[in-house]
C-alpha cells in the first residue's frame, strides 16, 4: 500500500544509511524507489541493493520537476518521500500504515547531525531536546516526508510555493496546502519517526519547512 521514494542530490555518501533504514522496517513498504537527480554519485547502490528501483538521471531536473516525475511512477495507495541524507525509525512504516482512513499522515521529526543547532526549528516554541537531538513537533503542520494518498497527491501535484525564496522551493508546503484545499483528512503521530540530518552537504541551507 506504500511506496517510499528516496531522493538524492549530492547525498551518495549517505544514501546507503537511508536505504538500510527502509529495508529494516518492521513492516516493509510495497516498493522503494530511488532517484539521483543528475549528480552521478549513487551508481554504486544498485549492486548493493538490487531490490530498490532506481532512476539515475543524466541531467538535473530540479526538486519540483524531479519529485513530480517520481510521484507519477508510484502505483500504490500511499506515497512518502524521504531525502537520502535522512532515515526512518524502524517502526515508522508500521505505525503509519496502520491508519488507512486518512489522506495524510504526519509525524514529528528528530533533527540530528553536526549542524542540528543551525536549523531554524532549534529555537522554535515547542521544540525540545530528545536523546541529544531536537524534537521538532509537527502536529497540524506539513513536512517533506509526510505520507499521503497517491491519487490525491497526483491530482494536485508538486510546485514551487509562492512564498519560496532562494534554493528552497517549499514544494512540500505547496502540495500540503493544495491537498488540504482539495478536502484531505489528516492524522498525526506525536513521535519523532524521521531523523532529519543537518550536515555539511545539505542542499538547502535555510530550511523553512
Protein backbone atom coordinates (compact mmCIF):
# COMPACT_ATOMS: atom_id res chain seq x y z
CA UNK A 1 0.00 0.00 0.00
CA UNK A 2 3.03 2.32 0.39
CA UNK A 3 5.85 3.39 -1.89
CA UNK A 4 8.81 5.15 -0.30
CA UNK A 5 10.67 7.45 -2.71
CA UNK A 6 14.25 8.21 -1.67
CA UNK A 7 15.57 11.36 -3.31
CA UNK A 8 19.24 12.24 -3.56
CA UNK A 9 21.17 15.32 -4.66
CA UNK A 10 24.84 15.08 -3.65
CA UNK A 11 23.92 12.58 -0.92
CA UNK A 12 25.57 9.49 -2.39
CA UNK A 13 27.87 9.21 0.66
CA UNK A 14 24.84 8.95 2.97
CA UNK A 15 22.25 7.17 0.85
CA UNK A 16 23.03 3.60 1.96
CA UNK A 17 22.11 4.52 5.53
CA UNK A 18 18.73 5.77 4.36
CA UNK A 19 18.09 2.66 2.25
CA UNK A 20 19.07 0.40 5.15
CA UNK A 21 16.60 2.19 7.42
CA UNK A 22 13.79 1.37 4.97
CA UNK A 23 14.86 -2.24 4.48
CA UNK A 24 14.99 -2.75 8.26
CA UNK A 25 11.41 -1.59 8.85
CA UNK A 26 9.22 -3.85 10.99
CA UNK A 27 6.66 -3.62 8.18
CA UNK A 28 8.07 -3.24 4.68
CA UNK A 29 6.66 -0.79 2.14
CA UNK A 30 5.49 -2.40 -1.08
CA UNK A 31 8.08 -0.52 -3.16
CA UNK A 32 11.21 1.54 -2.68
CA UNK A 33 12.07 3.96 -5.48
CA UNK A 34 15.37 5.83 -5.53
CA UNK A 35 16.21 8.89 -7.61
CA UNK A 36 19.57 10.61 -8.07
CA UNK A 37 18.86 13.94 -9.71
CA UNK A 38 21.77 14.19 -12.11
CA UNK A 39 24.77 14.10 -9.76
CA UNK A 40 26.11 10.62 -10.50
CA UNK A 41 27.33 9.74 -7.01
CA UNK A 42 24.86 6.87 -6.46
CA UNK A 43 25.90 4.45 -9.20
CA UNK A 44 27.31 2.00 -6.64
CA UNK A 45 23.94 1.44 -4.97
CA UNK A 46 22.13 -0.89 -7.45
CA UNK A 47 24.75 -3.60 -6.99
CA UNK A 48 24.36 -3.45 -3.21
CA UNK A 49 20.56 -3.02 -3.02
CA UNK A 50 19.06 -4.61 -6.16
CA UNK A 51 15.58 -4.77 -4.59
CA UNK A 52 15.31 -0.98 -4.92
CA UNK A 53 14.09 0.54 -8.21
CA UNK A 54 16.45 3.27 -9.44
CA UNK A 55 16.14 6.40 -11.53
CA UNK A 56 19.68 7.75 -12.02
CA UNK A 57 19.32 10.90 -14.08
CA UNK A 58 21.94 12.15 -16.52
CA UNK A 59 20.74 15.73 -16.08
CA UNK A 60 19.42 17.62 -13.08
CA UNK A 61 15.69 18.37 -13.24
CA UNK A 62 15.44 20.32 -10.01
CA UNK A 63 13.43 19.36 -6.96
CA UNK A 64 9.92 20.16 -8.16
CA UNK A 65 10.16 18.50 -11.57
CA UNK A 66 12.07 15.52 -10.18
CA UNK A 67 9.54 14.94 -7.38
CA UNK A 68 6.63 15.25 -9.78
CA UNK A 69 8.22 12.75 -12.16
CA UNK A 70 8.78 10.25 -9.33
CA UNK A 71 5.26 10.73 -7.96
CA UNK A 72 3.85 9.78 -11.36
CA UNK A 73 5.79 6.48 -11.17
CA UNK A 74 4.01 5.45 -7.94
CA UNK A 75 1.16 2.94 -8.24
CA UNK A 76 0.45 2.18 -4.58
CA UNK A 77 -2.29 3.71 -2.43
CA UNK A 78 0.13 5.86 -0.44
CA UNK A 79 3.38 7.72 -1.14
CA UNK A 80 6.15 9.02 1.09
CA UNK A 81 9.28 10.91 0.02
CA UNK A 82 12.46 10.91 2.11
CA UNK A 83 15.77 12.64 1.49
CA UNK A 84 18.67 10.22 1.03
CA UNK A 85 20.52 12.02 3.82
CA UNK A 86 17.78 11.21 6.34
CA UNK A 87 16.46 7.97 7.83
CA UNK A 88 13.34 6.47 9.41
CA UNK A 89 12.87 4.93 12.84
CA UNK A 90 12.49 1.19 12.37
CA UNK A 91 8.76 1.10 13.21
CA UNK A 92 7.79 4.18 11.18
CA UNK A 93 6.14 2.36 8.27
CA UNK A 94 4.27 0.03 10.63
CA UNK A 95 2.83 2.94 12.60
CA UNK A 96 1.95 4.99 9.53
CA UNK A 97 0.30 2.21 7.54
CA UNK A 98 -1.84 1.14 10.49
CA UNK A 99 -4.09 4.11 9.62
CA UNK A 100 -5.70 3.88 6.18
CA UNK A 101 -8.67 6.12 6.93
CA UNK A 102 -6.90 9.44 6.39
CA UNK A 103 -5.45 11.06 3.30
CA UNK A 104 -2.35 12.48 5.01
CA UNK A 105 -0.34 11.07 7.92
CA UNK A 106 2.14 13.42 9.56
CA UNK A 107 4.52 12.81 12.42
CA UNK A 108 7.28 14.54 14.36
CA UNK A 109 10.94 14.85 13.39
CA UNK A 110 14.21 14.39 15.26
CA UNK A 111 16.69 16.91 13.87
CA UNK A 112 20.16 15.42 14.10
CA UNK A 113 23.63 15.80 12.61
CA UNK A 114 26.56 18.02 13.41
CA UNK A 115 24.71 21.17 12.29
CA UNK A 116 21.40 20.43 14.00
CA UNK A 117 21.63 23.58 16.13
CA UNK A 118 21.70 25.66 12.92
CA UNK A 119 18.21 24.51 11.91
CA UNK A 120 15.56 27.20 12.47
CA UNK A 121 13.44 24.74 14.46
CA UNK A 122 16.12 24.57 17.14
CA UNK A 123 14.68 27.77 18.57
CA UNK A 124 11.01 27.30 17.71
CA UNK A 125 8.44 27.22 20.54
CA UNK A 126 7.58 23.63 21.36
CA UNK A 127 10.85 22.14 20.12
CA UNK A 128 12.69 20.25 22.84
CA UNK A 129 15.82 18.12 23.27
CA UNK A 130 15.47 14.34 22.89
CA UNK A 131 18.40 11.92 23.16
CA UNK A 132 20.87 14.62 22.11
CA UNK A 133 18.76 15.68 19.11
CA UNK A 134 15.96 18.24 18.65
CA UNK A 135 12.36 17.03 18.74
CA UNK A 136 10.52 19.10 16.11
CA UNK A 137 6.79 18.74 16.71
CA UNK A 138 4.66 18.87 13.56
CA UNK A 139 1.08 18.39 14.77
CA UNK A 140 -1.15 20.17 12.27
CA UNK A 141 1.81 21.02 10.07
CA UNK A 142 3.43 19.61 6.94
CA UNK A 143 6.87 18.29 6.18
CA UNK A 144 8.53 16.73 3.16
CA UNK A 145 8.22 13.14 4.39
CA UNK A 146 4.55 13.07 5.32
CA UNK A 147 2.68 10.04 3.99
CA UNK A 148 -0.18 10.92 1.65
CA UNK A 149 -2.75 9.26 -0.57
CA UNK A 150 -1.16 8.92 -4.00
CA UNK A 151 -4.25 9.72 -6.04
CA UNK A 152 -4.76 12.95 -4.12
CA UNK A 153 -1.11 13.93 -4.47
CA UNK A 154 -1.22 13.31 -8.21
CA UNK A 155 -4.41 15.35 -8.55
CA UNK A 156 -2.68 18.49 -7.21
CA UNK A 157 1.00 17.79 -7.99
CA UNK A 158 4.24 19.35 -6.82
CA UNK A 159 5.00 23.02 -7.48
CA UNK A 160 7.20 25.78 -6.13
CA UNK A 161 5.41 27.59 -3.32
CA UNK A 162 4.56 31.24 -3.99
CA UNK A 163 6.44 32.29 -0.84
CA UNK A 164 9.55 30.23 -1.60
CA UNK A 165 12.85 32.01 -1.80
CA UNK A 166 16.41 31.13 -2.69
CA UNK A 167 17.06 27.45 -3.34
CA UNK A 168 14.20 26.31 -1.07
CA UNK A 169 11.21 25.53 -3.30
CA UNK A 170 8.95 24.69 -0.33
CA UNK A 171 7.28 22.13 -2.61
CA UNK A 172 6.19 20.12 0.43
CA UNK A 173 4.27 23.10 1.79
CA UNK A 174 2.68 23.69 -1.62
CA UNK A 175 1.41 20.12 -2.03
CA UNK A 176 0.23 20.09 1.62
CA UNK A 177 -1.80 23.26 1.16
CA UNK A 178 -3.20 22.07 -2.17
CA UNK A 179 -4.25 18.69 -0.72
CA UNK A 180 -5.96 20.44 2.20
CA UNK A 181 -7.82 22.69 -0.24
CA UNK A 182 -8.94 19.53 -2.03
CA UNK A 183 -10.50 18.25 1.21
CA UNK A 184 -7.77 15.98 2.56
CA UNK A 185 -8.22 14.46 6.01
CA UNK A 186 -5.18 14.46 8.29
CA UNK A 187 -3.95 12.42 11.24
CA UNK A 188 -0.76 12.87 13.25
CA UNK A 189 1.58 10.60 15.21
CA UNK A 190 3.18 12.54 18.03
CA UNK A 191 6.52 10.73 17.86
CA UNK A 192 9.77 11.58 16.04
CA UNK A 193 9.77 8.89 13.35
CA UNK A 194 12.15 10.65 10.95
CA UNK A 195 15.75 11.57 11.67
CA UNK A 196 16.42 14.69 9.64
CA UNK A 197 20.17 15.14 9.25
CA UNK A 198 21.70 18.61 9.07
CA UNK A 199 25.18 18.20 7.64
CA UNK A 200 27.85 19.85 5.52
CA UNK A 201 26.31 18.85 2.18
CA UNK A 202 22.69 19.85 2.81
CA UNK A 203 21.41 21.21 -0.50
CA UNK A 204 19.05 23.56 1.38
CA UNK A 205 20.91 25.58 3.97
CA UNK A 206 17.95 27.63 5.19
CA UNK A 207 15.08 25.16 5.65
CA UNK A 208 11.73 26.70 6.49
CA UNK A 209 9.56 23.62 6.06
